[in-house]
N, C-alpha and C. Protein backbone atom coordinates (compact mmCIF):
# COMPACT_ATOMS: atom_id res chain seq x y z
N MET A 1 234.04 109.34 94.29
CA MET A 1 233.85 108.16 95.31
C MET A 1 235.04 107.16 95.07
N ARG A 2 235.28 106.49 96.13
CA ARG A 2 236.21 105.27 96.00
C ARG A 2 235.80 104.20 96.98
N GLN A 3 236.52 103.02 96.73
CA GLN A 3 236.20 101.96 97.60
C GLN A 3 237.16 101.84 98.68
N TYR A 4 236.54 101.43 99.89
CA TYR A 4 237.36 101.35 101.11
C TYR A 4 237.08 99.94 101.74
N GLU A 5 238.23 99.27 102.19
CA GLU A 5 238.00 98.07 102.80
C GLU A 5 237.97 98.36 104.36
N ILE A 6 236.80 98.01 104.88
CA ILE A 6 236.64 98.13 106.31
C ILE A 6 237.09 96.85 107.00
N ARG A 7 237.97 97.18 108.00
CA ARG A 7 238.57 96.09 108.74
C ARG A 7 238.29 96.11 110.36
N SER A 8 238.03 94.92 110.82
CA SER A 8 238.02 94.82 112.36
C SER A 8 239.27 94.06 112.68
N GLY A 9 240.16 94.71 113.35
CA GLY A 9 241.52 93.96 113.54
C GLY A 9 242.25 93.66 112.14
N ARG A 10 242.44 92.49 111.85
CA ARG A 10 243.09 92.10 110.52
C ARG A 10 242.19 91.57 109.45
N ARG A 11 240.89 91.49 110.03
CA ARG A 11 239.78 90.82 109.16
C ARG A 11 238.98 91.88 108.41
N THR A 12 238.76 91.59 107.14
CA THR A 12 238.02 92.54 106.27
C THR A 12 236.57 92.22 106.53
N VAL A 13 235.70 93.21 106.90
CA VAL A 13 234.35 92.92 107.05
C VAL A 13 233.39 93.39 106.03
N LYS A 14 233.92 94.23 105.10
CA LYS A 14 233.03 94.83 104.18
C LYS A 14 233.90 95.81 103.17
N ILE A 15 233.43 95.92 101.88
CA ILE A 15 234.01 96.86 101.00
C ILE A 15 233.00 97.90 100.86
N GLN A 16 233.33 99.18 101.21
CA GLN A 16 232.23 100.33 101.28
C GLN A 16 232.81 101.40 100.38
N ASN A 17 231.81 101.92 99.50
CA ASN A 17 231.99 103.07 98.70
C ASN A 17 231.70 104.30 99.46
N SER A 18 232.63 105.25 99.39
CA SER A 18 232.44 106.60 100.15
C SER A 18 233.44 107.61 99.52
N VAL A 19 233.26 108.82 100.03
CA VAL A 19 234.13 110.01 99.57
C VAL A 19 235.33 109.98 100.47
N SER A 20 235.48 109.42 101.73
CA SER A 20 236.63 109.45 102.52
C SER A 20 236.76 108.22 103.22
N ALA A 21 237.88 107.86 103.94
CA ALA A 21 238.14 106.76 104.67
C ALA A 21 237.19 106.89 106.04
N GLN A 22 237.20 108.13 106.55
CA GLN A 22 236.43 108.38 107.75
C GLN A 22 234.92 108.18 107.45
N GLN A 23 234.52 108.64 106.49
CA GLN A 23 233.10 108.64 106.15
C GLN A 23 232.64 107.15 105.82
N ALA A 24 233.55 106.42 105.26
CA ALA A 24 233.32 105.02 104.95
C ALA A 24 233.13 104.16 106.18
N VAL A 25 234.01 104.31 107.28
CA VAL A 25 233.90 103.49 108.38
C VAL A 25 232.70 104.01 109.29
N VAL A 26 232.48 105.33 109.35
CA VAL A 26 231.31 105.89 110.02
C VAL A 26 229.99 105.35 109.43
N ASP A 27 229.92 105.26 108.08
CA ASP A 27 228.72 104.71 107.46
C ASP A 27 228.53 103.28 107.77
N TYR A 28 229.61 102.51 107.74
CA TYR A 28 229.55 101.03 108.04
C TYR A 28 229.06 100.76 109.46
N VAL A 29 229.56 101.60 110.47
CA VAL A 29 228.96 101.30 111.84
C VAL A 29 227.42 101.82 111.93
N ARG A 30 227.18 102.89 111.16
CA ARG A 30 225.82 103.49 111.37
C ARG A 30 224.82 102.42 110.59
N SER A 31 225.36 101.51 109.77
CA SER A 31 224.47 100.61 109.06
C SER A 31 223.94 99.68 110.06
N PHE A 32 224.37 99.64 111.24
CA PHE A 32 223.86 98.67 112.18
C PHE A 32 222.81 99.26 113.12
N GLY A 33 222.39 100.56 112.94
CA GLY A 33 221.60 101.41 113.50
C GLY A 33 221.93 102.06 114.69
N SER A 34 223.46 102.12 114.77
CA SER A 34 223.95 102.73 116.02
C SER A 34 223.61 104.26 116.10
N PRO A 35 223.37 104.62 117.27
CA PRO A 35 223.21 106.14 117.38
C PRO A 35 224.61 106.79 117.54
N GLU A 36 224.45 108.02 117.00
CA GLU A 36 225.84 108.84 116.90
C GLU A 36 226.57 108.89 118.09
N ASP A 37 225.93 108.84 119.38
CA ASP A 37 226.70 108.97 120.54
C ASP A 37 227.38 107.78 120.93
N GLU A 38 227.28 106.59 120.17
CA GLU A 38 228.03 105.35 120.56
C GLU A 38 229.23 105.30 119.53
N ILE A 39 229.31 106.09 118.61
CA ILE A 39 230.49 106.08 117.83
C ILE A 39 231.64 107.10 118.24
N ARG A 40 232.87 106.68 118.39
CA ARG A 40 233.97 107.45 118.82
C ARG A 40 234.91 107.50 117.75
N ILE A 41 235.23 108.64 117.22
CA ILE A 41 236.23 108.77 116.02
C ILE A 41 237.58 108.76 116.75
N VAL A 42 238.50 107.91 116.43
CA VAL A 42 239.81 107.84 117.03
C VAL A 42 240.83 108.09 115.90
N GLY A 43 240.62 108.36 114.79
CA GLY A 43 241.61 108.71 113.72
C GLY A 43 240.95 109.09 112.49
N ILE A 44 241.72 109.54 111.57
CA ILE A 44 241.14 109.91 110.23
C ILE A 44 240.54 108.85 109.54
N ASP A 45 240.81 107.57 109.77
CA ASP A 45 240.28 106.40 109.25
C ASP A 45 239.71 105.30 110.18
N SER A 46 239.59 105.81 111.38
CA SER A 46 239.18 104.67 112.52
C SER A 46 238.09 105.15 113.38
N VAL A 47 237.22 104.20 113.77
CA VAL A 47 236.34 104.60 114.90
C VAL A 47 236.29 103.44 115.92
N MET A 48 235.77 103.74 117.13
CA MET A 48 235.52 102.63 118.09
C MET A 48 234.00 102.70 118.30
N TRP A 49 233.51 101.37 118.37
CA TRP A 49 232.01 101.21 118.55
C TRP A 49 231.97 100.02 119.41
N ARG A 50 231.26 100.15 120.47
CA ARG A 50 231.06 98.99 121.42
C ARG A 50 232.25 98.07 121.78
N GLY A 51 233.33 98.81 121.86
CA GLY A 51 234.53 97.98 122.22
C GLY A 51 235.33 97.66 121.11
N ALA A 52 234.90 97.66 119.87
CA ALA A 52 235.51 97.19 118.69
C ALA A 52 236.13 98.47 117.90
N ARG A 53 237.29 98.16 117.27
CA ARG A 53 237.83 99.33 116.46
C ARG A 53 237.74 98.85 114.96
N PHE A 54 237.27 99.78 114.15
CA PHE A 54 237.07 99.57 112.73
C PHE A 54 237.87 100.59 112.03
N THR A 55 238.52 100.16 110.96
CA THR A 55 239.56 101.02 110.25
C THR A 55 239.26 100.85 108.86
N ALA A 56 239.24 101.96 107.95
CA ALA A 56 239.03 101.86 106.51
C ALA A 56 240.43 102.04 105.75
N PHE A 57 240.65 101.21 104.90
CA PHE A 57 241.84 101.35 103.95
C PHE A 57 241.50 101.38 102.44
N PRO A 58 242.06 102.27 101.85
CA PRO A 58 241.64 102.33 100.36
C PRO A 58 241.91 100.99 99.56
N VAL A 59 240.99 100.65 98.73
CA VAL A 59 241.19 99.45 97.90
C VAL A 59 242.05 99.83 96.63
N LEU A 60 243.09 99.18 96.56
CA LEU A 60 244.09 99.54 95.50
C LEU A 60 243.60 98.71 94.30
N ALA A 61 243.73 99.38 93.08
CA ALA A 61 243.35 98.71 91.92
C ALA A 61 244.50 97.65 91.62
N ASP A 62 243.89 96.32 91.07
CA ASP A 62 244.82 95.41 90.76
C ASP A 62 245.38 95.69 89.41
N PRO A 63 246.74 95.79 89.34
CA PRO A 63 247.43 96.26 88.01
C PRO A 63 247.12 95.26 86.97
N ILE A 64 247.08 93.99 87.19
CA ILE A 64 246.74 93.06 86.21
C ILE A 64 245.37 93.25 85.64
N SER A 65 244.28 93.34 86.30
CA SER A 65 242.86 93.52 85.89
C SER A 65 242.59 94.97 85.43
N ALA A 66 243.41 96.00 85.81
CA ALA A 66 243.24 97.40 85.39
C ALA A 66 243.95 97.61 83.95
N GLY A 67 244.83 96.67 83.57
CA GLY A 67 245.62 96.94 82.41
C GLY A 67 244.85 96.52 81.15
C-alpha cells in the first residue's frame, strides 16, 4: 500500500491509501456513492466523473522527516 494525493485540477482534495494510482482515484470517486457507469477511466491515474477530472499522484517521502 502507498499514499496517493488525489487532485482535482491543481487542488489536492484527499490523501488516499491504495495499491495503485488508478485504484486510489476510483476509490475516491466511489466514496461519493457514484455508480460504476458514471466513472470514466481516462488514464492509468485519472478518471472523469460528472465533468470533473481527478488524478492520483504518489506522495513522495519528505527526506528531512524520513531521515
